[in-house]
Amino acid sequence: MLGLVAILLGLCFGSFLNVLIIRIPQNKSVVLPPSSCNKCGNKLKPYHNIPVLSYIFLGGKCGFCKSKISIIYPIVEVISGILAYAVYLKFDYTFCALFIGLSVLLLFALCIIDLKTLEVPDSVNFSALIFAIIGGILYFEDFLFAIASAFSLAGFFTLLRFAMQTLIKKDVLGEGDIIVVATMGALLGWKITFFAIFLSAVFALVILLALSKKDYKIPFVPFLFLGTLPCLFFPDFFNSYITNYLLQA
């Protein structure tokens, strides 16, 4: 039953994420006005906003003007439900899981926003960081470790960014990406975060090679998020690698 509750909460929060994804880049309130159809402007009824089910029952069309509704909406809700369930399985039904789950879901929203607009809104980014720090403190039971992991990584990659700007005259990481790295540090701890960043770079490199376009500007937040997930849910594997191989090398 608790797992089902986690999924339902994730689905509902995913519906809210759809509002964030649309309105935050437009500098609009996420509270008012109430949700409405993008085509006809009619305010949606409560039964139009039931996660996933409304999309299915309405046949993927507006209940008023019958214009098509983007498939992205139910996809975001389903993935949010899956992520919430995964967080529950890993961290149980605790305050730690609540804050880590909120941070993970906001990072997911940042992925979609970055893919659509190539922007990383500070409001969502810093919210994810704050929730990650609280969740990290509760999980590691060490205030200084969570804080130091977040801000030392942010400082390190800020220096790296300036160094790369000086050497190759090109931005390698954006300011928004560095805040995401800080969030990763709070969630994972500084050691495992380096694994996550390595995985992110590998995923990005594969996509760049597949695209074979030198001037293509690739959003990096989705890859940071993809690198974070395995490290968040399977930390024992990475900790074992550090202990058995890196520290003995």
C-alpha atoms as a PDB file:
ATOM      1  CA  MET A   1       0.000   0.000   0.000  1.00  0.00           C
ATOM      2  CA  LEU A   2       2.812   2.437   0.805  1.00  0.00           C
ATOM      3  CA  GLY A   3       4.350   1.759  -2.591  1.00  0.00           C
ATOM      4  CA  LEU A   4       1.020   2.548  -4.249  1.00  0.00           C
ATOM      5  CA  VAL A   5       0.786   5.781  -2.255  1.00  0.00           C
ATOM      6  CA  ALA A   6       4.289   6.723  -3.429  1.00  0.00           C
ATOM      7  CA  ILE A   7       3.293   6.111  -7.060  1.00  0.00           C
ATOM      8  CA  LEU A   8       0.105   8.178  -6.714  1.00  0.00           C
ATOM      9  CA  LEU A   9       2.008  11.031  -5.075  1.00  0.00           C
ATOM     10  CA  GLY A  10       4.561  10.885  -7.883  1.00  0.00           C
ATOM     11  CA  LEU A  11       1.819  10.988 -10.531  1.00  0.00           C
ATOM     12  CA  CYS A  12       0.189  14.002  -8.871  1.00  0.00           C
ATOM     13  CA  PHE A  13       3.502  15.826  -8.509  1.00  0.00           C
ATOM     14  CA  GLY A  14       4.234  14.962 -12.136  1.00  0.00           C
ATOM     15  CA  SER A  15       1.053  16.826 -13.082  1.00  0.00           C
ATOM     16  CA  PHE A  16       2.420  19.835 -11.194  1.00  0.00           C
ATOM     17  CA  LEU A  17       5.763  19.426 -12.966  1.00  0.00           C
ATOM     18  CA  ASN A  18       3.947  19.846 -16.286  1.00  0.00           C
ATOM     19  CA  VAL A  19       2.831  23.262 -15.058  1.00  0.00           C
ATOM     20  CA  LEU A  20       6.390  24.130 -14.007  1.00  0.00           C
ATOM     21  CA  ILE A  21       7.804  23.013 -17.348  1.00  0.00           C
ATOM     22  CA  ILE A  22       5.436  25.253 -19.280  1.00  0.00           C
ATOM     23  CA  ARG A  23       5.154  28.318 -17.076  1.00  0.00           C
ATOM     24  CA  ILE A  24       8.560  28.787 -15.436  1.00  0.00           C
ATOM     25  CA  PRO A  25      10.403  29.494 -18.748  1.00  0.00           C
ATOM     26  CA  GLN A  26       7.668  32.041 -19.529  1.00  0.00           C
ATOM     27  CA  ASN A  27       8.092  33.730 -16.116  1.00  0.00           C
ATOM     28  CA  LYS A  28       4.483  32.939 -15.210  1.00  0.00           C
ATOM     29  CA  SER A  29       3.011  31.975 -11.853  1.00  0.00           C
ATOM     30  CA  VAL A  30       2.663  28.240 -11.299  1.00  0.00           C
ATOM     31  CA  VAL A  31      -0.432  28.850  -9.137  1.00  0.00           C
ATOM     32  CA  LEU A  32      -2.568  31.361 -10.991  1.00  0.00           C
ATOM     33  CA  PRO A  33      -4.390  31.384 -13.323  1.00  0.00           C
ATOM     34  CA  PRO A  34      -5.783  27.833 -13.140  1.00  0.00           C
ATOM     35  CA  SER A  35      -4.822  25.402 -15.901  1.00  0.00           C
ATOM     36  CA  SER A  36      -6.516  25.976 -19.232  1.00  0.00           C
ATOM     37  CA  CYS A  37      -6.386  24.661 -22.797  1.00  0.00           C
ATOM     38  CA  ASN A  38      -3.517  26.175 -24.787  1.00  0.00           C
ATOM     39  CA  LYS A  39      -5.730  26.362 -27.881  1.00  0.00           C
ATOM     40  CA  CYS A  40      -9.207  27.493 -26.822  1.00  0.00           C
ATOM     41  CA  GLY A  41      -8.314  28.998 -23.445  1.00  0.00           C
ATOM     42  CA  ASN A  42     -11.135  27.258 -21.528  1.00  0.00           C
ATOM     43  CA  LYS A  43     -10.341  26.527 -17.886  1.00  0.00           C
ATOM     44  CA  LEU A  44      -9.925  22.827 -17.270  1.00  0.00           C
ATOM     45  CA  LYS A  45     -12.370  21.015 -15.014  1.00  0.00           C
ATOM     46  CA  PRO A  46     -11.011  19.023 -12.044  1.00  0.00           C
ATOM     47  CA  TYR A  47     -11.692  15.755 -13.878  1.00  0.00           C
ATOM     48  CA  HIS A  48      -9.555  17.036 -16.768  1.00  0.00           C
ATOM     49  CA  ASN A  49      -6.526  17.114 -14.465  1.00  0.00           C
ATOM     50  CA  ILE A  50      -6.440  13.528 -13.224  1.00  0.00           C
ATOM     51  CA  PRO A  51      -2.888  12.328 -13.970  1.00  0.00           C
ATOM     52  CA  VAL A  52      -2.661   9.971 -16.977  1.00  0.00           C
ATOM     53  CA  LEU A  53      -6.316   8.854 -16.700  1.00  0.00           C
ATOM     54  CA  SER A  54      -7.697  12.146 -18.026  1.00  0.00           C
ATOM     55  CA  TYR A  55      -5.454  11.886 -21.083  1.00  0.00           C
ATOM     56  CA  ILE A  56      -6.674   8.326 -21.728  1.00  0.00           C
ATOM     57  CA  PHE A  57     -10.379   9.027 -21.185  1.00  0.00           C
ATOM     58  CA  LEU A  58     -10.266  12.181 -23.312  1.00  0.00           C
ATOM     59  CA  GLY A  59      -8.471  10.326 -26.089  1.00  0.00           C
ATOM     60  CA  GLY A  60      -5.523  12.731 -25.946  1.00  0.00           C
ATOM     61  CA  LYS A  61      -7.773  15.669 -26.884  1.00  0.00           C
ATOM     62  CA  CYS A  62      -9.099  18.784 -25.173  1.00  0.00           C
ATOM     63  CA  GLY A  63     -12.516  18.219 -23.581  1.00  0.00           C
ATOM     64  CA  PHE A  64     -13.748  21.478 -25.106  1.00  0.00           C
ATOM     65  CA  CYS A  65     -12.209  22.139 -28.524  1.00  0.00           C
ATOM     66  CA  LYS A  66     -10.929  18.600 -29.237  1.00  0.00           C
ATOM     67  CA  SER A  67      -7.436  19.851 -30.108  1.00  0.00           C
ATOM     68  CA  LYS A  68      -4.651  17.332 -29.529  1.00  0.00           C
ATOM     69  CA  ILE A  69      -2.903  17.256 -26.160  1.00  0.00           C
ATOM     70  CA  SER A  70       0.844  16.643 -26.219  1.00  0.00           C
ATOM     71  CA  ILE A  71       1.870  13.109 -25.265  1.00  0.00           C
ATOM     72  CA  ILE A  72       4.611  14.730 -23.158  1.00  0.00           C
ATOM     73  CA  TYR A  73       2.095  15.424 -20.356  1.00  0.00           C
ATOM     74  CA  PRO A  74       1.256  11.805 -19.475  1.00  0.00           C
ATOM     75  CA  ILE A  75       4.862  10.739 -20.104  1.00  0.00           C
ATOM     76  CA  VAL A  76       6.107  13.235 -17.497  1.00  0.00           C
ATOM     77  CA  GLU A  77       3.454  12.003 -15.051  1.00  0.00           C
ATOM     78  CA  VAL A  78       4.278   8.310 -15.583  1.00  0.00           C
ATOM     79  CA  ILE A  79       8.035   8.866 -15.223  1.00  0.00           C
ATOM     80  CA  SER A  80       7.407  10.931 -12.074  1.00  0.00           C
ATOM     81  CA  GLY A  81       5.378   8.050 -10.627  1.00  0.00           C
ATOM     82  CA  ILE A  82       8.181   5.591 -11.446  1.00  0.00           C
ATOM     83  CA  LEU A  83      10.818   7.844  -9.892  1.00  0.00           C
ATOM     84  CA  ALA A  84       8.732   8.326  -6.752  1.00  0.00           C
ATOM     85  CA  TYR A  85       8.318   4.550  -6.420  1.00  0.00           C
ATOM     86  CA  ALA A  86      12.058   4.013  -6.926  1.00  0.00           C
ATOM     87  CA  VAL A  87      12.839   6.566  -4.199  1.00  0.00           C
ATOM     88  CA  TYR A  88      10.382   4.795  -1.882  1.00  0.00           C
ATOM     89  CA  LEU A  89      12.017   1.419  -2.534  1.00  0.00           C
ATOM     90  CA  LYS A  90      15.476   2.832  -1.811  1.00  0.00           C
ATOM     91  CA  PHE A  91      14.786   5.168   1.102  1.00  0.00           C
ATOM     92  CA  ASP A  92      11.529   3.789   2.511  1.00  0.00           C
ATOM     93  CA  TYR A  93       8.654   5.991   3.654  1.00  0.00           C
ATOM     94  CA  THR A  94      10.716   8.609   5.502  1.00  0.00           C
ATOM     95  CA  PHE A  95      11.339  12.350   5.575  1.00  0.00           C
ATOM     96  CA  CYS A  96      14.653  11.594   3.914  1.00  0.00           C
ATOM     97  CA  ALA A  97      12.776   9.969   0.998  1.00  0.00           C
ATOM     98  CA  LEU A  98      10.409  12.946   0.788  1.00  0.00           C
ATOM     99  CA  PHE A  99      13.150  15.544   0.338  1.00  0.00           C
ATOM    100  CA  ILE A 100      15.300  13.369  -1.916  1.00  0.00           C
ATOM    101  CA  GLY A 101      12.233  12.551  -4.008  1.00  0.00           C
ATOM    102  CA  LEU A 102      11.327  16.219  -4.385  1.00  0.00           C
ATOM    103  CA  SER A 103      14.881  17.016  -5.466  1.00  0.00           C
ATOM    104  CA  VAL A 104      14.963  14.153  -7.985  1.00  0.00           C
ATOM    105  CA  LEU A 105      11.603  15.150  -9.486  1.00  0.00           C
ATOM    106  CA  LEU A 106      12.652  18.795  -9.795  1.00  0.00           C
ATOM    107  CA  LEU A 107      15.861  17.675 -11.513  1.00  0.00           C
ATOM    108  CA  PHE A 108      13.659  15.700 -13.902  1.00  0.00           C
ATOM    109  CA  ALA A 109      11.651  18.858 -14.624  1.00  0.00           C
ATOM    110  CA  LEU A 110      14.913  20.710 -15.288  1.00  0.00           C
ATOM    111  CA  CYS A 111      15.803  18.037 -17.854  1.00  0.00           C
ATOM    112  CA  ILE A 112      12.622  18.679 -19.823  1.00  0.00           C
ATOM    113  CA  ILE A 113      13.008  22.457 -19.593  1.00  0.00           C
ATOM    114  CA  ASP A 114      16.647  22.260 -20.704  1.00  0.00           C
ATOM    115  CA  LEU A 115      15.709  20.015 -23.638  1.00  0.00           C
ATOM    116  CA  LYS A 116      12.946  22.373 -24.740  1.00  0.00           C
ATOM    117  CA  THR A 117      14.543  25.765 -24.142  1.00  0.00           C
ATOM    118  CA  LEU A 118      18.278  25.199 -23.461  1.00  0.00           C
ATOM    119  CA  GLU A 119      17.700  27.113 -20.226  1.00  0.00           C
ATOM    120  CA  VAL A 120      18.056  26.066 -16.580  1.00  0.00           C
ATOM    121  CA  PRO A 121      15.737  28.256 -14.448  1.00  0.00           C
ATOM    122  CA  ASP A 122      17.263  29.300 -11.141  1.00  0.00           C
ATOM    123  CA  SER A 123      13.973  28.963  -9.232  1.00  0.00           C
ATOM    124  CA  VAL A 124      13.682  25.244  -9.988  1.00  0.00           C
ATOM    125  CA  ASN A 125      17.434  24.652  -9.798  1.00  0.00           C
ATOM    126  CA  PHE A 126      17.926  26.166  -6.344  1.00  0.00           C
ATOM    127  CA  SER A 127      14.765  24.473  -5.053  1.00  0.00           C
ATOM    128  CA  ALA A 128      16.212  21.109  -6.118  1.00  0.00           C
ATOM    129  CA  LEU A 129      19.485  22.007  -4.365  1.00  0.00           C
ATOM    130  CA  ILE A 130      17.773  22.970  -1.097  1.00  0.00           C
ATOM    131  CA  PHE A 131      15.714  19.766  -1.019  1.00  0.00           C
ATOM    132  CA  ALA A 132      18.844  17.744  -1.874  1.00  0.00           C
ATOM    133  CA  ILE A 133      20.817  19.300   0.993  1.00  0.00           C
ATOM    134  CA  ILE A 134      18.029  18.552   3.486  1.00  0.00           C
ATOM    135  CA  GLY A 135      17.641  15.025   2.132  1.00  0.00           C
ATOM    136  CA  GLY A 136      21.409  14.480   2.140  1.00  0.00           C
ATOM    137  CA  ILE A 137      21.728  15.623   5.745  1.00  0.00           C
ATOM    138  CA  LEU A 138      18.965  13.204   6.789  1.00  0.00           C
ATOM    139  CA  TYR A 139      20.394  10.321   4.725  1.00  0.00           C
ATOM    140  CA  PHE A 140      24.074  10.647   5.614  1.00  0.00           C
ATOM    141  CA  GLU A 141      23.244  11.849   9.138  1.00  0.00           C
ATOM    142  CA  ASP A 142      26.123  14.259   8.744  1.00  0.00           C
ATOM    143  CA  PHE A 143      25.393  17.966   8.270  1.00  0.00           C
ATOM    144  CA  LEU A 144      28.939  18.951   7.312  1.00  0.00           C
ATOM    145  CA  PHE A 145      29.379  16.085   4.817  1.00  0.00           C
ATOM    146  CA  ALA A 146      26.254  16.983   2.836  1.00  0.00           C
ATOM    147  CA  ILE A 147      27.034  20.711   2.825  1.00  0.00           C
ATOM    148  CA  ALA A 148      30.724  20.225   2.025  1.00  0.00           C
ATOM    149  CA  SER A 149      29.991  17.738  -0.760  1.00  0.00           C
ATOM    150  CA  ALA A 150      27.590  20.159  -2.411  1.00  0.00           C
ATOM    151  CA  PHE A 151      29.626  23.339  -2.207  1.00  0.00           C
ATOM    152  CA  SER A 152      33.096  21.879  -2.682  1.00  0.00           C
ATOM    153  CA  LEU A 153      31.946  20.324  -5.962  1.00  0.00           C
ATOM    154  CA  ALA A 154      30.308  23.574  -6.992  1.00  0.00           C
ATOM    155  CA  GLY A 155      33.542  25.430  -6.226  1.00  0.00           C
ATOM    156  CA  PHE A 156      35.702  22.865  -8.022  1.00  0.00           C
ATOM    157  CA  PHE A 157      33.648  22.933 -11.208  1.00  0.00           C
ATOM    158  CA  THR A 158      33.397  26.728 -11.105  1.00  0.00           C
ATOM    159  CA  LEU A 159      37.213  26.899 -11.141  1.00  0.00           C
ATOM    160  CA  LEU A 160      37.297  24.267 -13.890  1.00  0.00           C
ATOM    161  CA  ARG A 161      34.836  26.316 -15.914  1.00  0.00           C
ATOM    162  CA  PHE A 162      36.966  29.451 -15.669  1.00  0.00           C
ATOM    163  CA  ALA A 163      40.088  27.470 -16.535  1.00  0.00           C
ATOM    164  CA  MET A 164      38.475  25.987 -19.640  1.00  0.00           C
ATOM    165  CA  GLN A 165      37.180  29.404 -20.668  1.00  0.00           C
ATOM    166  CA  THR A 166      40.737  30.720 -20.466  1.00  0.00           C
ATOM    167  CA  LEU A 167      42.310  27.800 -22.313  1.00  0.00           C
ATOM    168  CA  ILE A 168      39.841  27.054 -25.099  1.00  0.00           C
ATOM    169  CA  LYS A 169      37.761  30.247 -25.056  1.00  0.00           C
ATOM    170  CA  LYS A 170      34.541  28.246 -24.772  1.00  0.00           C
ATOM    171  CA  ASP A 171      31.969  27.499 -22.071  1.00  0.00           C
ATOM    172  CA  VAL A 172      32.104  23.822 -21.122  1.00  0.00           C
ATOM    173  CA  LEU A 173      29.680  24.062 -18.195  1.00  0.00           C
ATOM    174  CA  GLY A 174      26.984  26.652 -17.660  1.00  0.00           C
ATOM    175  CA  GLU A 175      26.223  28.243 -14.306  1.00  0.00           C
ATOM    176  CA  GLY A 176      23.017  26.209 -14.096  1.00  0.00           C
ATOM    177  CA  ASP A 177      24.957  22.991 -14.661  1.00  0.00           C
ATOM    178  CA  ILE A 178      27.218  23.805 -11.717  1.00  0.00           C
ATOM    179  CA  ILE A 179      24.205  24.169  -9.395  1.00  0.00           C
ATOM    180  CA  VAL A 180      22.992  20.773 -10.624  1.00  0.00           C
ATOM    181  CA  VAL A 181      26.434  19.330  -9.769  1.00  0.00           C
ATOM    182  CA  ALA A 182      26.060  20.777  -6.250  1.00  0.00           C
ATOM    183  CA  THR A 183      22.673  19.077  -5.987  1.00  0.00           C
ATOM    184  CA  MET A 184      24.280  15.805  -7.074  1.00  0.00           C
ATOM    185  CA  GLY A 185      26.944  16.260  -4.409  1.00  0.00           C
ATOM    186  CA  ALA A 186      24.344  16.690  -1.670  1.00  0.00           C
ATOM    187  CA  LEU A 187      22.410  13.626  -2.846  1.00  0.00           C
ATOM    188  CA  LEU A 188      25.348  11.299  -3.498  1.00  0.00           C
ATOM    189  CA  GLY A 189      28.318  12.554  -1.528  1.00  0.00           C
ATOM    190  CA  TRP A 190      31.375  13.950  -3.248  1.00  0.00           C
ATOM    191  CA  LYS A 191      33.077  10.623  -4.087  1.00  0.00           C
ATOM    192  CA  ILE A 192      30.183   8.994  -5.940  1.00  0.00           C
ATOM    193  CA  THR A 193      29.323  12.280  -7.652  1.00  0.00           C
ATOM    194  CA  PHE A 194      32.520  11.998  -9.691  1.00  0.00           C
ATOM    195  CA  PHE A 195      31.264   8.627 -10.955  1.00  0.00           C
ATOM    196  CA  ALA A 196      27.939  10.236 -11.825  1.00  0.00           C
ATOM    197  CA  ILE A 197      29.647  13.030 -13.757  1.00  0.00           C
ATOM    198  CA  PHE A 198      31.803  10.488 -15.597  1.00  0.00           C
ATOM    199  CA  LEU A 199      28.675   8.551 -16.606  1.00  0.00           C
ATOM    200  CA  SER A 200      27.044  11.810 -17.686  1.00  0.00           C
ATOM    201  CA  ALA A 201      30.018  12.644 -19.911  1.00  0.00           C
ATOM    202  CA  VAL A 202      29.927   9.163 -21.473  1.00  0.00           C
ATOM    203  CA  PHE A 203      26.189   9.463 -22.234  1.00  0.00           C
ATOM    204  CA  ALA A 204      26.711  12.932 -23.735  1.00  0.00           C
ATOM    205  CA  LEU A 205      29.666  11.766 -25.822  1.00  0.00           C
ATOM    206  CA  VAL A 206      27.636   8.901 -27.281  1.00  0.00           C
ATOM    207  CA  ILE A 207      24.864  11.294 -28.313  1.00  0.00           C
ATOM    208  CA  LEU A 208      27.323  13.797 -29.790  1.00  0.00           C
ATOM    209  CA  LEU A 209      28.999  11.083 -31.836  1.00  0.00           C
ATOM    210  CA  ALA A 210      25.614   9.850 -33.020  1.00  0.00           C
ATOM    211  CA  LEU A 211      24.596  13.353 -34.077  1.00  0.00           C
ATOM    212  CA  SER A 212      27.978  14.019 -35.700  1.00  0.00           C
ATOM    213  CA  LYS A 213      27.335  17.767 -35.640  1.00  0.00           C
ATOM    214  CA  LYS A 214      30.198  19.866 -34.326  1.00  0.00           C
ATOM    215  CA  ASP A 215      28.153  23.023 -33.797  1.00  0.00           C
ATOM    216  CA  TYR A 216      25.183  21.330 -32.141  1.00  0.00           C
ATOM    217  CA  LYS A 217      24.535  22.777 -28.685  1.00  0.00           C
ATOM    218  CA  ILE A 218      23.655  19.901 -26.407  1.00  0.00           C
ATOM    219  CA  PRO A 219      21.766  20.397 -23.125  1.00  0.00           C
ATOM    220  CA  PHE A 220      23.866  18.821 -20.382  1.00  0.00           C
ATOM    221  CA  VAL A 221      21.363  18.693 -17.491  1.00  0.00           C
ATOM    222  CA  PRO A 222      19.568  15.585 -18.877  1.00  0.00           C
ATOM    223  CA  PHE A 223      22.893  13.736 -18.952  1.00  0.00           C
ATOM    224  CA  LEU A 224      23.776  14.853 -15.427  1.00  0.00           C
ATOM    225  CA  PHE A 225      20.396  13.513 -14.353  1.00  0.00           C
ATOM    226  CA  LEU A 226      20.935  10.188 -16.134  1.00  0.00           C
ATOM    227  CA  GLY A 227      24.347   9.881 -14.484  1.00  0.00           C
ATOM    228  CA  THR A 228      22.820  10.611 -11.078  1.00  0.00           C
ATOM    229  CA  LEU A 229      20.113   7.934 -11.113  1.00  0.00           C
ATOM    230  CA  PRO A 230      22.267   4.750 -11.056  1.00  0.00           C
ATOM    231  CA  CYS A 231      24.572   6.299  -8.456  1.00  0.00           C
ATOM    232  CA  LEU A 232      21.614   7.297  -6.274  1.00  0.00           C
ATOM    233  CA  PHE A 233      19.832   3.957  -6.359  1.00  0.00           C
ATOM    234  CA  PHE A 234      22.884   1.660  -6.392  1.00  0.00           C
ATOM    235  CA  PRO A 235      25.480   3.475  -4.247  1.00  0.00           C
ATOM    236  CA  ASP A 236      26.840   0.229  -2.764  1.00  0.00           C
ATOM    237  CA  PHE A 237      28.192  -0.811  -6.160  1.00  0.00           C
ATOM    238  CA  PHE A 238      30.119   2.431  -6.576  1.00  0.00           C
ATOM    239  CA  ASN A 239      31.279   2.523  -2.966  1.00  0.00           C
ATOM    240  CA  SER A 240      32.547  -1.043  -3.375  1.00  0.00           C
ATOM    241  CA  TYR A 241      34.468  -0.053  -6.495  1.00  0.00           C
ATOM    242  CA  ILE A 242      36.073   2.874  -4.664  1.00  0.00           C
ATOM    243  CA  THR A 243      37.036   0.691  -1.681  1.00  0.00           C
ATOM    244  CA  ASN A 244      38.246  -2.389  -3.553  1.00  0.00           C
ATOM    245  CA  TYR A 245      39.927  -0.837  -6.572  1.00  0.00           C
ATOM    246  CA  LEU A 246      40.633   2.886  -6.364  1.00  0.00           C
ATOM    247  CA  LEU A 247      41.821   3.003  -2.763  1.00  0.00           C
ATOM    248  CA  GLN A 248      43.989  -0.085  -3.233  1.00  0.00           C
ATOM    249  CA  ALA A 249      45.500   1.050  -6.515  1.00  0.00           C
END
